[in-house]
Amino acid sequence: MSLICLCVLWMGIAAEVSADAYSSLQAAIDANPGRMIRLVDREYIIDRSLLITTSGTGLCGEGVIKQTHGGDSIVRIENADDVRVLDVTLCRPADRGESTEDGLRATGCKRLTIRNIRVVDNWSLGAGIRIDASELVRIDGCEIRNYKRVGIEDRTANPDYGFAFHAIL
């Protein structure tokens, strides 16, 4: 099955929207709440975080999202359920790879799916992919290259967290 079909059929979505029909990626997201935004195989230059706040919204395709501002995450998903980010590449320019923020950050989400994304040249003390206060999150087949740090989070010994896991981040 092709990537286009996966984007269209995922979660019963009737059709996807081309990002290229809009003046910017954020404009495409804002104009199409609850729909998948398809990124064609080219670079999309942004200078602030792409923000997804509506349930059912998502990004898919072969496109590369290049964030030029080191003080912002590349993609932020906030308080939105059933969001999908599939097959895209998130990066920073080689001369601006140094960052203070995460590549992709999701907060307060349910049923979030992140599949086959690449986070490249995000030289940050933050994470390539960071998930906070979210439930039923699935992360598959992602690649993180050229990062600044590796962290290990171990919540198995602290009863205050309410859940336990051991992860290399």
Protein backbone atom coordinates (compact mmCIF):
# COMPACT_ATOMS: atom_id res chain seq x y z
CA MET A 1 0.00 0.00 0.00
CA SER A 2 1.37 3.38 -0.91
CA LEU A 3 2.10 6.17 1.55
CA ILE A 4 -0.76 8.18 0.05
CA CYS A 5 -3.20 5.38 0.79
CA LEU A 6 -1.90 5.04 4.33
CA CYS A 7 -2.44 8.73 4.95
CA VAL A 8 -5.96 8.64 3.53
CA LEU A 9 -7.09 5.43 5.20
CA TRP A 10 -5.57 6.05 8.61
CA MET A 11 -8.32 6.33 11.25
CA GLY A 12 -11.02 6.55 8.55
CA ILE A 13 -10.02 9.97 7.27
CA ALA A 14 -11.79 10.67 3.99
CA ALA A 15 -9.02 12.61 2.25
CA GLU A 16 -5.76 14.36 2.86
CA VAL A 17 -4.85 17.95 2.12
CA SER A 18 -1.73 19.04 0.27
CA ALA A 19 0.44 21.44 2.25
CA ASP A 20 1.45 23.03 -1.05
CA ALA A 21 -2.07 24.45 -1.51
CA TYR A 22 -1.33 26.92 1.32
CA SER A 23 1.12 29.76 1.95
CA SER A 24 2.74 27.86 4.84
CA LEU A 25 2.55 24.59 6.73
CA GLN A 26 0.95 26.34 9.70
CA ALA A 27 -1.68 27.85 7.40
CA ALA A 28 -2.49 24.36 6.07
CA ILE A 29 -2.81 22.99 9.62
CA ASP A 30 -4.97 25.92 10.77
CA ALA A 31 -7.29 25.76 7.74
CA ASN A 32 -7.83 21.99 8.01
CA PRO A 33 -8.46 21.00 11.63
CA GLY A 34 -8.85 17.27 12.08
CA ARG A 35 -7.33 16.36 8.71
CA MET A 36 -4.04 14.91 7.51
CA ILE A 37 -1.71 17.40 5.86
CA ARG A 38 0.44 15.81 3.15
CA LEU A 39 3.98 17.08 2.63
CA VAL A 40 5.42 16.40 -0.81
CA ASP A 41 9.08 15.48 -1.26
CA ARG A 42 10.69 18.89 -0.72
CA GLU A 43 11.92 21.16 2.10
CA TYR A 44 9.47 23.28 4.09
CA ILE A 45 11.36 26.09 5.86
CA ILE A 46 9.81 27.34 9.13
CA ASP A 47 11.01 29.89 11.69
CA ARG A 48 8.66 28.97 14.55
CA SER A 49 7.19 25.72 15.84
CA LEU A 50 4.48 24.04 13.84
CA LEU A 51 1.62 23.88 16.34
CA ILE A 52 -1.08 21.19 16.29
CA THR A 53 -3.88 21.74 18.81
CA THR A 54 -6.87 20.09 17.14
CA SER A 55 -7.69 16.40 17.56
CA GLY A 56 -7.43 14.24 14.45
CA THR A 57 -4.94 16.53 12.73
CA GLY A 58 -1.71 15.10 11.38
CA LEU A 59 1.27 15.36 9.07
CA CYS A 60 2.36 12.74 6.56
CA GLY A 61 4.56 12.42 3.52
CA GLU A 62 8.11 12.57 2.29
CA GLY A 63 8.63 16.26 3.09
CA VAL A 64 11.42 17.73 5.22
CA ILE A 65 10.45 20.35 7.81
CA LYS A 66 13.49 22.55 8.46
CA GLN A 67 13.29 24.78 11.56
CA THR A 68 15.60 27.81 11.39
CA HIS A 69 15.01 29.09 14.95
CA GLY A 70 16.93 27.22 17.66
CA GLY A 71 14.68 28.49 20.44
CA ASP A 72 11.58 26.64 19.20
CA SER A 73 10.68 22.98 18.83
CA ILE A 74 10.19 21.91 15.24
CA VAL A 75 6.70 20.43 15.87
CA ARG A 76 4.57 20.90 19.00
CA ILE A 77 1.38 18.96 19.64
CA GLU A 78 -0.66 20.29 22.55
CA ASN A 79 -3.83 18.85 24.11
CA ALA A 80 -4.93 17.13 20.91
CA ASP A 81 -6.06 13.50 20.63
CA ASP A 82 -5.72 11.06 17.71
CA VAL A 83 -2.87 13.03 16.13
CA ARG A 84 -0.56 11.26 13.68
CA VAL A 85 2.86 12.27 12.41
CA LEU A 86 3.97 9.82 9.73
CA ASP A 87 7.08 9.52 7.54
CA VAL A 88 8.25 13.17 7.67
CA THR A 89 11.76 14.43 8.44
CA LEU A 90 12.33 17.12 11.07
CA CYS A 91 15.67 18.94 10.97
CA ARG A 92 17.62 22.13 11.49
CA PRO A 93 20.08 23.68 9.01
CA ALA A 94 23.68 22.54 9.50
CA ASP A 95 24.75 26.05 10.54
CA ARG A 96 21.82 26.37 12.98
CA GLY A 97 21.59 22.86 14.41
CA GLU A 98 22.38 24.02 17.95
CA SER A 99 19.10 24.31 19.81
CA THR A 100 17.58 24.57 23.25
CA GLU A 101 14.35 22.79 22.24
CA ASP A 102 13.03 19.36 21.30
CA GLY A 103 12.55 18.17 17.74
CA LEU A 104 8.98 16.99 18.34
CA ARG A 105 7.18 17.70 21.61
CA ALA A 106 3.72 16.43 22.54
CA THR A 107 1.89 17.39 25.74
CA GLY A 108 -1.52 16.32 27.00
CA CYS A 109 -2.40 14.00 24.12
CA LYS A 110 -4.26 10.69 23.84
CA ARG A 111 -3.82 8.09 21.10
CA LEU A 112 -0.83 9.84 19.55
CA THR A 113 0.98 7.99 16.75
CA ILE A 114 4.48 8.90 15.63
CA ARG A 115 5.71 6.57 12.91
CA ASN A 116 8.79 6.52 10.68
CA ILE A 117 9.84 10.09 11.35
CA ARG A 118 13.43 11.22 11.26
CA VAL A 119 14.83 13.92 13.56
CA VAL A 120 18.14 15.07 12.11
CA ASP A 121 20.69 17.67 13.28
CA ASN A 122 18.72 18.74 16.35
CA TRP A 123 21.78 19.49 18.49
CA SER A 124 19.83 20.17 21.65
CA LEU A 125 19.93 19.42 25.34
CA GLY A 126 16.24 18.68 24.80
CA ALA A 127 14.94 15.49 23.22
CA GLY A 128 14.59 14.41 19.62
CA ILE A 129 11.06 13.27 20.55
CA ARG A 130 9.52 14.28 23.88
CA ILE A 131 6.15 13.15 25.19
CA ASP A 132 4.70 14.66 28.39
CA ALA A 133 1.43 13.89 30.24
CA SER A 134 0.06 11.79 27.37
CA GLU A 135 -1.71 8.43 27.12
CA LEU A 136 -1.75 5.59 24.60
CA VAL A 137 1.24 6.86 22.62
CA ARG A 138 2.75 4.72 19.89
CA ILE A 139 6.19 5.47 18.48
CA ASP A 140 7.44 3.17 15.70
CA GLY A 141 10.43 3.06 13.37
CA CYS A 142 11.77 6.53 14.12
CA GLU A 143 15.36 7.60 13.55
CA ILE A 144 17.21 10.29 15.49
CA ARG A 145 20.59 11.34 14.04
CA ASN A 146 23.14 13.94 15.05
CA TYR A 147 21.89 14.74 18.51
CA LYS A 148 23.61 16.29 21.51
CA ARG A 149 22.82 13.96 24.40
CA VAL A 150 21.43 10.59 25.38
CA GLY A 151 19.39 10.43 28.57
CA ILE A 152 18.19 7.49 30.59
CA GLU A 153 14.95 7.85 32.46
CA ASP A 154 14.21 5.26 35.13
CA ARG A 155 10.88 5.54 36.92
CA THR A 156 10.84 1.99 38.23
CA ALA A 157 12.04 2.96 41.72
CA ASN A 158 9.75 5.91 42.42
CA PRO A 159 6.19 5.10 43.60
CA ASP A 160 5.12 8.73 43.17
CA TYR A 161 4.95 8.48 39.38
CA GLY A 162 2.04 6.01 39.30
CA PHE A 163 3.67 3.99 36.53
CA ALA A 164 7.09 2.52 35.95
CA PHE A 165 9.39 2.18 32.98
CA HIS A 166 13.03 2.24 32.08
CA ALA A 167 13.94 3.96 28.86
CA ILE A 168 16.99 5.20 27.05
CA LEU A 169 16.11 8.58 25.61
